[in-house]
Protein backbone atom coordinates (compact mmCIF):
# COMPACT_ATOMS: atom_id res chain seq x y z
CA MET A 1 75.93 -128.47 -84.99
CA THR A 2 73.53 -125.83 -86.45
CA VAL A 3 73.80 -123.05 -83.95
CA PRO A 4 70.70 -120.81 -82.86
CA PHE A 5 72.14 -117.58 -84.49
CA ARG A 6 73.28 -116.08 -87.57
CA TYR A 7 76.72 -114.34 -88.25
CA ARG A 8 77.03 -111.44 -90.36
CA ARG A 9 80.88 -110.62 -90.92
CA LEU A 10 84.13 -110.32 -89.03
CA VAL A 11 84.14 -106.95 -87.79
CA TYR A 12 87.71 -106.41 -86.36
CA ALA A 13 90.72 -107.74 -84.81
CA ALA A 14 92.54 -106.37 -81.87
CA LEU A 15 96.52 -106.75 -81.63
CA ASN A 16 98.99 -106.03 -79.04
CA VAL A 17 101.97 -104.13 -80.06
CA THR A 18 104.99 -103.02 -78.21
CA ASP A 19 105.45 -99.50 -79.51
CA ILE A 20 102.04 -97.95 -80.24
CA GLU A 21 103.32 -94.83 -81.99
CA ARG A 22 105.29 -96.91 -84.28
CA SER A 23 102.78 -99.44 -84.92
CA LEU A 24 100.28 -96.34 -85.63
CA ALA A 25 102.31 -94.89 -88.12
CA PHE A 26 102.97 -98.33 -89.93
CA TYR A 27 99.17 -99.11 -90.21
CA ARG A 28 98.47 -95.53 -91.28
CA ASP A 29 101.41 -94.97 -93.38
CA MET A 30 102.22 -98.15 -94.90
CA ILE A 31 98.72 -100.13 -94.91
CA GLY A 32 96.58 -97.21 -95.32
CA LEU A 33 94.37 -97.49 -92.67
CA ASP A 34 92.79 -94.22 -91.14
CA PRO A 35 92.80 -93.71 -87.25
CA THR A 36 89.46 -92.87 -85.51
CA GLU A 37 90.46 -92.96 -81.89
CA THR A 38 93.98 -92.59 -80.68
CA GLU A 39 94.99 -92.48 -76.80
CA ASP A 40 98.25 -93.58 -75.00
CA ASP A 41 97.46 -97.21 -74.82
CA TYR A 42 94.82 -97.88 -77.55
CA VAL A 43 94.45 -96.71 -81.20
CA ALA A 44 91.43 -97.73 -83.42
CA LEU A 45 91.75 -97.82 -87.13
CA ARG A 46 89.28 -98.41 -90.04
CA CYS A 47 89.30 -99.30 -93.59
CA SER A 48 85.39 -99.11 -93.96
CA ARG A 49 82.28 -97.12 -92.79
CA ASP A 50 82.97 -98.96 -89.65
CA HIS A 51 84.29 -97.07 -86.27
CA HIS A 52 87.26 -99.50 -86.62
CA ASN A 53 88.29 -102.67 -88.10
CA LEU A 54 91.50 -102.83 -86.51
CA LEU A 55 92.48 -102.38 -82.67
CA LEU A 56 96.10 -101.63 -81.34
CA TYR A 57 96.61 -102.22 -77.49
CA ARG A 58 99.98 -101.41 -75.92
CA SER A 59 101.77 -104.51 -74.44
CA GLU A 60 104.93 -105.99 -73.96
CA VAL A 61 103.99 -109.00 -75.91
CA PRO A 62 102.96 -108.67 -79.36
CA GLY A 63 100.17 -110.78 -80.92
CA LEU A 64 96.26 -111.39 -81.01
CA LYS A 65 94.15 -109.78 -78.13
CA ARG A 66 90.73 -110.69 -79.79
CA ILE A 67 88.52 -111.31 -82.69
CA SER A 68 85.09 -109.78 -83.07
CA PHE A 69 82.20 -111.14 -85.13
CA GLU A 70 79.01 -109.31 -85.64
CA VAL A 71 75.72 -111.16 -85.41
CA GLU A 72 72.47 -110.35 -87.56
CA SER A 73 70.17 -109.11 -84.92
CA ALA A 74 69.96 -108.39 -81.28
CA GLU A 75 67.89 -111.55 -81.09
CA ASP A 76 70.73 -113.16 -82.57
CA LEU A 77 73.04 -112.09 -79.96
CA GLU A 78 70.83 -113.20 -76.78
CA ALA A 79 70.58 -116.80 -78.78
CA ALA A 80 74.50 -116.70 -78.99
CA ARG A 81 74.85 -115.87 -75.28
CA GLU A 82 72.57 -118.45 -74.23
CA HIS A 83 74.10 -121.12 -76.46
CA ILE A 84 77.61 -120.00 -75.34
CA ALA A 85 76.64 -120.30 -71.77
CA SER A 86 75.03 -123.91 -72.60
CA LEU A 87 78.63 -125.06 -73.52
CA GLY A 88 79.99 -124.39 -70.19
CA LEU A 89 82.09 -121.44 -71.10
CA GLY A 90 82.58 -118.41 -69.27
CA ILE A 91 81.01 -115.13 -70.67
CA ASP A 92 82.33 -111.74 -70.15
CA GLU A 93 79.77 -109.04 -70.74
CA VAL A 94 81.34 -105.66 -72.27
CA SER A 95 80.89 -102.92 -70.01
CA PRO A 96 78.71 -99.88 -70.80
CA ASP A 97 81.74 -97.83 -70.74
CA GLU A 98 83.92 -100.03 -73.27
CA LEU A 99 80.81 -100.23 -75.38
CA ASP A 100 80.99 -96.44 -75.73
CA LYS A 101 84.44 -96.37 -76.43
CA LEU A 102 84.44 -99.12 -78.87
CA LYS A 103 81.04 -97.63 -80.38
CA LEU A 104 79.36 -101.09 -80.31
CA GLY A 105 75.70 -101.60 -79.50
CA SER A 106 75.92 -104.52 -77.30
CA ALA A 107 78.74 -107.52 -76.95
CA PHE A 108 80.03 -110.24 -74.91
CA ARG A 109 83.28 -112.18 -75.04
CA PHE A 110 84.37 -115.68 -74.13
CA ARG A 111 87.41 -117.79 -75.04
CA GLU A 112 87.65 -120.78 -77.44
CA PRO A 113 88.73 -123.64 -75.16
CA ASN A 114 91.52 -125.22 -77.11
CA SER A 115 93.30 -122.20 -78.75
CA GLY A 116 92.67 -119.84 -75.83
CA VAL A 117 91.69 -117.18 -78.18
CA GLN A 118 89.06 -114.50 -76.85
CA ILE A 119 86.08 -114.02 -79.37
CA GLU A 120 83.82 -111.17 -79.24
CA LEU A 121 80.22 -111.55 -80.38
CA CYS A 122 78.53 -108.15 -81.21
CA PHE A 123 75.74 -106.36 -82.73
CA GLU A 124 75.65 -102.74 -84.04
CA VAL A 125 78.80 -100.90 -85.03
CA MET A 126 78.87 -97.28 -85.24
CA HIS A 127 78.44 -96.20 -89.19
CA MET A 128 80.85 -93.50 -89.55
CA GLY A 129 79.49 -90.23 -91.34
CA THR A 130 82.36 -89.99 -93.95
CA PRO A 131 83.63 -92.98 -96.05
CA PHE A 132 87.03 -94.54 -95.53
CA GLN A 133 89.61 -92.54 -97.54
CA ARG A 134 91.51 -94.92 -99.90
CA ARG A 135 94.83 -93.12 -99.65
CA LEU A 136 97.41 -96.09 -100.12
CA ALA A 137 95.30 -98.93 -101.44
CA LYS A 138 91.67 -99.72 -102.27
CA ILE A 139 91.09 -101.70 -99.22
CA ILE A 140 87.54 -103.40 -99.13
CA ARG A 141 87.29 -104.67 -95.58
CA ILE A 142 89.30 -106.66 -93.17
CA GLY A 143 89.00 -110.09 -94.64
CA HIS A 144 90.27 -112.86 -92.27
CA VAL A 145 92.14 -113.70 -89.17
CA VAL A 146 94.29 -117.00 -89.00
CA LEU A 147 95.22 -118.81 -86.15
CA ASN A 148 98.07 -121.02 -85.19
CA ALA A 149 96.82 -123.87 -83.38
CA LYS A 150 98.56 -126.42 -81.12
CA HIS A 151 95.56 -128.75 -80.90
CA TRP A 152 94.34 -128.36 -84.49
CA ARG A 153 91.83 -130.90 -84.89
CA GLU A 154 89.87 -130.11 -81.45
CA THR A 155 90.15 -126.33 -82.34
CA VAL A 156 88.67 -127.05 -85.99
CA GLU A 157 85.95 -129.23 -84.34
CA PHE A 158 84.93 -126.60 -81.77
CA PHE A 159 84.43 -123.75 -84.33
CA SER A 160 82.71 -125.94 -86.63
CA GLU A 161 80.49 -127.98 -83.97
CA ALA A 162 80.13 -125.42 -81.30
CA LEU A 163 80.17 -122.12 -82.85
CA GLY A 164 78.65 -122.85 -86.30
CA PHE A 165 81.40 -122.02 -88.63
CA ALA A 166 81.32 -123.66 -91.95
CA THR A 167 84.55 -125.35 -93.63
CA SER A 168 84.95 -124.34 -97.32
CA ASP A 169 88.44 -126.28 -97.82
CA TYR A 170 90.83 -128.18 -95.60
CA ASN A 171 94.30 -130.05 -95.67
CA PRO A 172 94.03 -132.83 -93.66
CA GLY A 173 95.75 -132.44 -90.14
CA TYR A 174 97.05 -129.11 -91.42
CA ALA A 175 94.69 -126.38 -92.48
CA ALA A 176 90.84 -125.33 -92.25
CA PHE A 177 89.44 -122.25 -94.05
CA MET A 178 86.34 -121.40 -92.51
CA ARG A 179 83.40 -119.13 -92.88
CA CYS A 180 81.12 -117.39 -90.44
CA TYR A 181 78.10 -118.82 -91.75
CA PRO A 182 76.06 -117.51 -93.80
CA ASN A 183 78.61 -114.89 -94.59
CA PRO A 184 79.78 -115.96 -98.21
CA LEU A 185 83.39 -115.21 -98.29
CA HIS A 186 85.40 -118.22 -98.57
CA HIS A 187 87.03 -117.72 -95.16
CA THR A 188 86.58 -115.43 -92.63
CA LEU A 189 88.81 -117.68 -90.12
CA ALA A 190 91.54 -120.21 -90.91
CA ILE A 191 93.13 -122.67 -88.45
CA VAL A 192 96.77 -123.72 -89.05
CA SER A 193 98.27 -126.60 -87.34
CA ALA A 194 101.35 -125.44 -85.29
CA ASP A 195 103.87 -126.23 -82.34
CA ARG A 196 102.02 -123.38 -80.32
CA ASN A 197 98.92 -121.38 -80.11
CA GLY A 198 99.08 -118.12 -81.68
CA LEU A 199 98.38 -115.53 -84.27
CA HIS A 200 99.30 -116.39 -87.72
CA HIS A 201 98.23 -113.49 -89.92
CA VAL A 202 95.44 -110.90 -90.34
CA ASN A 203 94.36 -110.05 -93.87
CA PHE A 204 93.01 -107.12 -95.58
CA MET A 205 91.26 -107.73 -98.94
CA VAL A 206 91.91 -105.11 -101.72
CA GLU A 207 89.73 -104.24 -104.84
CA ASP A 208 92.06 -104.18 -107.56
CA ILE A 209 94.91 -106.43 -108.45
CA ASP A 210 97.12 -103.33 -108.89
CA ASP A 211 96.60 -102.62 -105.12
CA ILE A 212 98.86 -106.02 -104.70
CA GLY A 213 101.73 -104.77 -107.32
CA CYS A 214 101.83 -101.18 -105.90
CA ALA A 215 102.13 -102.42 -102.07
CA TYR A 216 104.83 -104.92 -103.07
CA HIS A 217 106.88 -101.94 -104.22
CA ARG A 218 106.02 -99.66 -101.64
CA ILE A 219 106.91 -101.91 -98.67
CA ARG A 220 109.94 -103.34 -100.34
CA ASN A 221 111.01 -99.51 -100.84
CA ALA A 222 110.38 -98.95 -97.34
CA ASP A 223 112.62 -102.02 -96.25
CA VAL A 224 109.49 -103.88 -94.92
CA GLU A 225 109.96 -107.63 -95.30
CA VAL A 226 107.97 -109.61 -97.63
CA VAL A 227 107.63 -113.05 -96.22
CA PHE A 228 105.64 -114.80 -99.05
CA GLY A 229 104.49 -113.47 -102.44
CA PRO A 230 102.93 -112.36 -104.53
CA GLY A 231 101.42 -115.56 -105.42
CA ARG A 232 97.99 -117.31 -105.91
CA HIS A 233 96.27 -119.47 -103.23
CA GLN A 234 94.66 -122.46 -104.67
CA PRO A 235 91.97 -122.85 -102.01
CA SER A 236 90.23 -119.29 -102.34
CA GLN A 237 91.83 -118.49 -105.73
CA SER A 238 92.92 -115.04 -103.94
CA ILE A 239 96.06 -113.29 -105.18
CA PHE A 240 98.23 -112.43 -102.05
CA LEU A 241 101.08 -110.73 -100.43
CA TYR A 242 102.21 -111.26 -96.96
CA PHE A 243 104.73 -108.93 -94.99
CA LEU A 244 105.72 -108.27 -91.39
CA ASP A 245 104.74 -105.26 -89.09
CA PRO A 246 107.16 -103.48 -86.90
CA ASP A 247 106.54 -106.18 -84.13
CA ARG A 248 106.88 -109.35 -87.03
CA LEU A 249 103.33 -109.84 -86.71
CA THR A 250 102.30 -111.24 -90.22
CA LEU A 251 99.94 -109.11 -92.32
CA GLU A 252 98.41 -110.16 -95.94
CA TYR A 253 97.01 -108.01 -98.56
CA SER A 254 94.73 -110.24 -101.14
CA TYR A 255 92.66 -109.54 -104.07
CA GLY A 256 89.74 -111.75 -105.11
CA MET A 257 88.30 -114.59 -103.31
CA GLU A 258 85.39 -117.18 -103.85
CA LEU A 259 82.10 -116.57 -102.60
CA LEU A 260 79.92 -119.64 -101.47
CA PRO A 261 75.99 -119.27 -101.39
CA GLU A 262 74.08 -119.77 -98.32
CA GLU A 263 71.98 -122.65 -99.93
CA ASP A 264 73.44 -125.51 -102.19
CA ALA A 265 76.93 -124.22 -101.57
CA ARG A 266 79.72 -126.98 -102.49
CA GLY A 267 81.18 -129.01 -100.03
CA PRO A 268 84.52 -128.68 -98.54
CA ARG A 269 87.35 -129.97 -100.45
CA MET A 270 90.50 -132.04 -98.85
CA LEU A 271 93.23 -130.37 -100.73
CA GLU A 272 97.00 -131.87 -100.69
CA PRO A 273 99.02 -130.11 -98.07
CA THR A 274 101.73 -129.06 -100.47
CA LEU A 275 103.26 -125.87 -101.54
CA GLN A 276 101.66 -125.95 -104.97
CA THR A 277 98.30 -125.86 -102.99
CA LEU A 278 99.47 -122.98 -100.90
CA ASP A 279 100.64 -121.15 -103.98
CA SER A 280 99.86 -122.34 -107.33
CA TRP A 281 102.43 -119.86 -108.77
CA GLY A 282 105.26 -121.99 -107.40
CA GLY A 283 106.32 -119.54 -104.49
CA ALA A 284 107.43 -120.59 -100.80
CA PRO A 285 107.00 -118.62 -97.72
CA ALA A 286 110.37 -117.26 -95.73
CA PRO A 287 110.62 -118.46 -92.29
CA GLY A 288 108.96 -115.39 -90.71
CA PHE A 289 105.73 -116.16 -92.08
CA GLY A 290 102.93 -116.61 -89.52
CA ALA A 291 105.76 -116.99 -86.92
CA THR A 292 105.02 -114.24 -84.37
CA GLY A 293 102.33 -113.47 -82.26
CA GLU A 294 101.25 -114.55 -79.03
CA ILE A 295 97.28 -115.12 -78.09
CA GLU A 296 96.56 -112.81 -75.18
CA GLY A 297 95.61 -115.06 -71.97
């Protein structure tokens, strides 16, 4: 389905964590994000000029709270609101108080009906006066969020046909790599078949391959568990490193990614669902890879 609005980008992921002080220290001192707001039950961190690209909320159950995508204009947001309502989905308007807290111009939320994940669509994010300080790694942006989906085919079809995401590559019955069209990044969202709905991982893209190597030794020296990599994904050609946060949520640093043009982009490739496709260098993930993280209901 062609939707009546255009996406600009993935803005942020909101995670639930069990010990917010511990997680703040990890994302600041191990990942290299900069805190912008810190409260008792909420922390905002950034890796760009945005007010935030990651939100941490205190919770008894670790996992994914929501994903936020920005559209190109106020008119796009209104068209998106009308389109989502026409699908019969409930719309939750973000209150003026929360918009002020999150430094957003306008936003609304709804739930994808198959995975249960809450999606936020917004327009305007506060541009901070000072640039992101690249203390530990030259992070470019939050790159993508990957979901575990019990009903894989239905979830992929809904994001594609109802929400206008474009599929770049897919492993039949196993994984789909999707971009929030017309954003050129190979994927800003991916859906992986699993026996439960949940978070698979959150990605941060870095500027230099040395950031991958330095991160590998930094986190190993801090006894942080590496669950996959370094390696190279065949679908996007990204060089990757996966590791676990204090709640055992999976995070990824990646370097490089295929960009697809808005017009005349290649079609999606059907990829063999093998480890060689997942890592052309021949690696294999550890059991903890993408295994922890509930979707908040």
